[in-house]
Structures are given as C-alpha cells and as structure tokens.
Amino acid sequence: MYTGELDPVIVGRTIADFRVRKGISQEVLSGLANIGRTHLSAIERGQRKPTLETLYRISCALGVNMSDIVAEIENAMMY
C-alpha cells in the first residue's frame, strides 16, 4: 500500500538482496561503487537512504539497471 514515504529498511534490504545474489561482500560492492563500506552498511540496515547518484553507482557496480532495483523496492512496498 502506498504511504507516500520510502521505507529505508525495504530499500536497504533490496540492495542487500541484489548484492547477496551476486555473491559479493559489502567491501567489494562499496569499492566497485566508490562509496564507503560503512555508508553501504548503513544503507543496507535502513539507517540511511541512498541518493540517486549512490543508487546509480550501486546498480552499475552490481551490473543491473537501477530501474530493476527500484522495481523490486516498489513491489516490496506494496505488501
């Protein structure tokens, strides 16, 4: 159900799921995305929301379209 707010926990869990499916660590992903590992960790725990720039870097590092990540976030927020 749409609440008008983006749930940072769902965003983080979705990014973590993509990372785990690719079989890479936070350390590797943060290096590929050129962001700090602690920043990535905070995003995955839902303590921070990524900017569009950061989400784009993460998606490129994962080798997926940013829209794929956003679609999964939207689907998760529907339930």
N, C-alpha and C. Protein backbone atom coordinates (compact mmCIF):
# COMPACT_ATOMS: atom_id res chain seq x y z
N MET A 1 0.84 -1.18 0.00
CA MET A 1 0.00 0.00 0.00
C MET A 1 0.88 1.24 0.00
N TYR A 2 0.60 2.18 -0.86
CA TYR A 2 1.38 3.40 -1.00
C TYR A 2 1.13 4.32 0.19
N THR A 3 2.21 4.70 0.86
CA THR A 3 2.08 5.58 2.02
C THR A 3 2.63 6.97 1.74
N GLY A 4 3.28 7.16 0.59
CA GLY A 4 3.86 8.45 0.29
C GLY A 4 5.27 8.61 0.82
N GLU A 5 5.76 7.60 1.52
CA GLU A 5 7.11 7.65 2.07
C GLU A 5 7.87 6.40 1.67
N LEU A 6 9.13 6.60 1.38
CA LEU A 6 10.01 5.49 1.02
C LEU A 6 10.54 4.85 2.30
N ASP A 7 10.35 3.56 2.45
CA ASP A 7 10.81 2.84 3.65
C ASP A 7 12.29 2.50 3.49
N PRO A 8 13.16 3.12 4.29
CA PRO A 8 14.59 2.87 4.14
C PRO A 8 15.01 1.43 4.43
N VAL A 9 14.25 0.73 5.25
CA VAL A 9 14.56 -0.67 5.55
C VAL A 9 14.34 -1.52 4.30
N ILE A 10 13.26 -1.28 3.58
CA ILE A 10 12.98 -2.02 2.35
C ILE A 10 14.04 -1.70 1.30
N VAL A 11 14.41 -0.43 1.19
CA VAL A 11 15.46 -0.03 0.24
C VAL A 11 16.74 -0.78 0.55
N GLY A 12 17.14 -0.76 1.80
CA GLY A 12 18.38 -1.42 2.21
C GLY A 12 18.34 -2.92 2.01
N ARG A 13 17.22 -3.53 2.37
CA ARG A 13 17.08 -4.97 2.22
C ARG A 13 17.14 -5.37 0.75
N THR A 14 16.54 -4.56 -0.10
CA THR A 14 16.55 -4.84 -1.54
C THR A 14 17.97 -4.76 -2.09
N ILE A 15 18.69 -3.73 -1.73
CA ILE A 15 20.08 -3.60 -2.19
C ILE A 15 20.91 -4.76 -1.68
N ALA A 16 20.73 -5.12 -0.42
CA ALA A 16 21.47 -6.25 0.15
C ALA A 16 21.13 -7.55 -0.58
N ASP A 17 19.86 -7.74 -0.92
CA ASP A 17 19.44 -8.94 -1.65
C ASP A 17 20.14 -9.03 -3.01
N PHE A 18 20.19 -7.92 -3.72
CA PHE A 18 20.89 -7.90 -5.01
C PHE A 18 22.37 -8.24 -4.82
N ARG A 19 22.97 -7.68 -3.79
CA ARG A 19 24.39 -7.93 -3.51
C ARG A 19 24.64 -9.40 -3.21
N VAL A 20 23.80 -9.97 -2.38
CA VAL A 20 23.96 -11.39 -2.00
C VAL A 20 23.75 -12.29 -3.21
N ARG A 21 22.77 -11.96 -4.04
CA ARG A 21 22.54 -12.76 -5.26
C ARG A 21 23.75 -12.75 -6.18
N LYS A 22 24.47 -11.63 -6.18
CA LYS A 22 25.69 -11.53 -6.99
C LYS A 22 26.88 -12.20 -6.30
N GLY A 23 26.71 -12.54 -5.04
CA GLY A 23 27.76 -13.25 -4.31
C GLY A 23 28.96 -12.38 -3.96
N ILE A 24 28.70 -11.10 -3.70
CA ILE A 24 29.82 -10.23 -3.33
C ILE A 24 29.61 -9.62 -1.95
N SER A 25 30.69 -9.27 -1.32
CA SER A 25 30.65 -8.69 0.02
C SER A 25 30.36 -7.20 -0.04
N GLN A 26 30.03 -6.65 1.11
CA GLN A 26 29.86 -5.20 1.21
C GLN A 26 31.15 -4.49 0.85
N GLU A 27 32.26 -5.06 1.27
CA GLU A 27 33.58 -4.46 0.99
C GLU A 27 33.81 -4.35 -0.52
N VAL A 28 33.52 -5.42 -1.23
CA VAL A 28 33.72 -5.42 -2.69
C VAL A 28 32.75 -4.46 -3.37
N LEU A 29 31.48 -4.53 -3.00
CA LEU A 29 30.49 -3.66 -3.62
C LEU A 29 30.80 -2.19 -3.36
N SER A 30 31.15 -1.86 -2.13
CA SER A 30 31.45 -0.46 -1.83
C SER A 30 32.65 0.03 -2.63
N GLY A 31 33.64 -0.84 -2.82
CA GLY A 31 34.79 -0.47 -3.64
C GLY A 31 34.42 -0.26 -5.09
N LEU A 32 33.62 -1.16 -5.63
CA LEU A 32 33.19 -1.04 -7.03
C LEU A 32 32.31 0.20 -7.24
N ALA A 33 31.52 0.53 -6.24
CA ALA A 33 30.60 1.67 -6.35
C ALA A 33 31.26 2.98 -5.91
N ASN A 34 32.48 2.88 -5.41
CA ASN A 34 33.21 4.05 -4.94
C ASN A 34 32.47 4.81 -3.83
N ILE A 35 31.95 4.02 -2.87
CA ILE A 35 31.34 4.61 -1.67
C ILE A 35 31.96 3.90 -0.47
N GLY A 36 31.87 4.50 0.68
CA GLY A 36 32.43 3.89 1.88
C GLY A 36 31.67 2.64 2.30
N ARG A 37 32.39 1.65 2.83
CA ARG A 37 31.74 0.43 3.27
C ARG A 37 30.76 0.71 4.41
N THR A 38 31.12 1.61 5.32
CA THR A 38 30.21 1.93 6.42
C THR A 38 28.96 2.63 5.90
N HIS A 39 29.11 3.42 4.85
CA HIS A 39 27.95 4.07 4.24
C HIS A 39 27.02 3.01 3.62
N LEU A 40 27.60 2.07 2.88
CA LEU A 40 26.81 0.99 2.30
C LEU A 40 26.13 0.17 3.38
N SER A 41 26.86 -0.12 4.44
CA SER A 41 26.29 -0.89 5.54
C SER A 41 25.09 -0.15 6.15
N ALA A 42 25.22 1.15 6.34
CA ALA A 42 24.11 1.94 6.90
C ALA A 42 22.91 1.93 5.96
N ILE A 43 23.17 1.98 4.65
CA ILE A 43 22.07 1.90 3.67
C ILE A 43 21.38 0.55 3.78
N GLU A 44 22.17 -0.53 3.80
CA GLU A 44 21.58 -1.88 3.86
C GLU A 44 20.82 -2.12 5.15
N ARG A 45 21.19 -1.46 6.23
CA ARG A 45 20.48 -1.62 7.51
C ARG A 45 19.27 -0.70 7.62
N GLY A 46 19.07 0.16 6.60
CA GLY A 46 17.94 1.07 6.62
C GLY A 46 18.16 2.30 7.46
N GLN A 47 19.40 2.59 7.80
CA GLN A 47 19.70 3.76 8.60
C GLN A 47 19.93 5.01 7.75
N ARG A 48 20.18 4.80 6.46
CA ARG A 48 20.36 5.90 5.53
C ARG A 48 19.68 5.54 4.22
N LYS A 49 19.16 6.56 3.54
CA LYS A 49 18.59 6.36 2.21
C LYS A 49 19.64 6.79 1.19
N PRO A 50 19.85 5.99 0.15
CA PRO A 50 20.83 6.39 -0.86
C PRO A 50 20.28 7.52 -1.73
N THR A 51 21.17 8.40 -2.14
CA THR A 51 20.80 9.40 -3.15
C THR A 51 20.66 8.68 -4.48
N LEU A 52 20.10 9.36 -5.47
CA LEU A 52 20.02 8.76 -6.81
C LEU A 52 21.41 8.45 -7.33
N GLU A 53 22.36 9.34 -7.09
CA GLU A 53 23.74 9.11 -7.53
C GLU A 53 24.31 7.84 -6.90
N THR A 54 24.10 7.67 -5.61
CA THR A 54 24.60 6.49 -4.92
C THR A 54 23.90 5.23 -5.41
N LEU A 55 22.59 5.30 -5.59
CA LEU A 55 21.86 4.14 -6.10
C LEU A 55 22.35 3.78 -7.50
N TYR A 56 22.63 4.78 -8.31
CA TYR A 56 23.15 4.53 -9.66
C TYR A 56 24.51 3.85 -9.58
N ARG A 57 25.39 4.33 -8.72
CA ARG A 57 26.71 3.72 -8.56
C ARG A 57 26.59 2.26 -8.11
N ILE A 58 25.69 2.02 -7.17
CA ILE A 58 25.48 0.66 -6.66
C ILE A 58 24.96 -0.24 -7.78
N SER A 59 23.98 0.25 -8.53
CA SER A 59 23.41 -0.58 -9.60
C SER A 59 24.46 -0.89 -10.67
N CYS A 60 25.27 0.09 -11.02
CA CYS A 60 26.34 -0.15 -12.01
C CYS A 60 27.33 -1.17 -11.47
N ALA A 61 27.69 -1.04 -10.21
CA ALA A 61 28.64 -1.98 -9.60
C ALA A 61 28.07 -3.39 -9.55
N LEU A 62 26.76 -3.50 -9.41
CA LEU A 62 26.10 -4.81 -9.38
C LEU A 62 25.83 -5.35 -10.78
N GLY A 63 25.97 -4.49 -11.78
CA GLY A 63 25.71 -4.91 -13.15
C GLY A 63 24.24 -5.08 -13.47
N VAL A 64 23.40 -4.27 -12.81
CA VAL A 64 21.96 -4.31 -13.05
C VAL A 64 21.47 -2.90 -13.35
N ASN A 65 20.32 -2.81 -13.96
CA ASN A 65 19.72 -1.49 -14.19
C ASN A 65 19.18 -0.94 -12.88
N MET A 66 19.34 0.36 -12.70
CA MET A 66 18.80 0.99 -11.50
C MET A 66 17.30 0.76 -11.43
N SER A 67 16.64 0.73 -12.58
CA SER A 67 15.20 0.52 -12.61
C SER A 67 14.81 -0.85 -12.06
N ASP A 68 15.69 -1.85 -12.19
CA ASP A 68 15.40 -3.18 -11.63
C ASP A 68 15.36 -3.12 -10.10
N ILE A 69 16.29 -2.37 -9.53
CA ILE A 69 16.32 -2.22 -8.08
C ILE A 69 15.08 -1.46 -7.62
N VAL A 70 14.76 -0.37 -8.31
CA VAL A 70 13.59 0.44 -7.95
C VAL A 70 12.31 -0.39 -8.06
N ALA A 71 12.21 -1.21 -9.11
CA ALA A 71 11.01 -2.04 -9.28
C ALA A 71 10.84 -3.01 -8.12
N GLU A 72 11.94 -3.60 -7.66
CA GLU A 72 11.84 -4.52 -6.52
C GLU A 72 11.46 -3.77 -5.25
N ILE A 73 11.99 -2.57 -5.08
CA ILE A 73 11.61 -1.75 -3.92
C ILE A 73 10.11 -1.45 -3.96
N GLU A 74 9.63 -1.06 -5.13
CA GLU A 74 8.20 -0.76 -5.28
C GLU A 74 7.34 -1.98 -4.98
N ASN A 75 7.74 -3.12 -5.50
CA ASN A 75 6.99 -4.35 -5.25
C ASN A 75 6.96 -4.69 -3.77
N ALA A 76 8.09 -4.55 -3.10
CA ALA A 76 8.16 -4.85 -1.66
C ALA A 76 7.30 -3.88 -0.86
N MET A 77 7.19 -2.65 -1.30
CA MET A 77 6.41 -1.67 -0.57
C MET A 77 4.91 -1.85 -0.75
N MET A 78 4.53 -2.61 -1.76
CA MET A 78 3.10 -2.87 -1.99
C MET A 78 2.54 -3.84 -0.97
N TYR A 79 3.39 -4.61 -0.31
CA TYR A 79 2.88 -5.65 0.60
C TYR A 79 3.29 -5.42 2.00
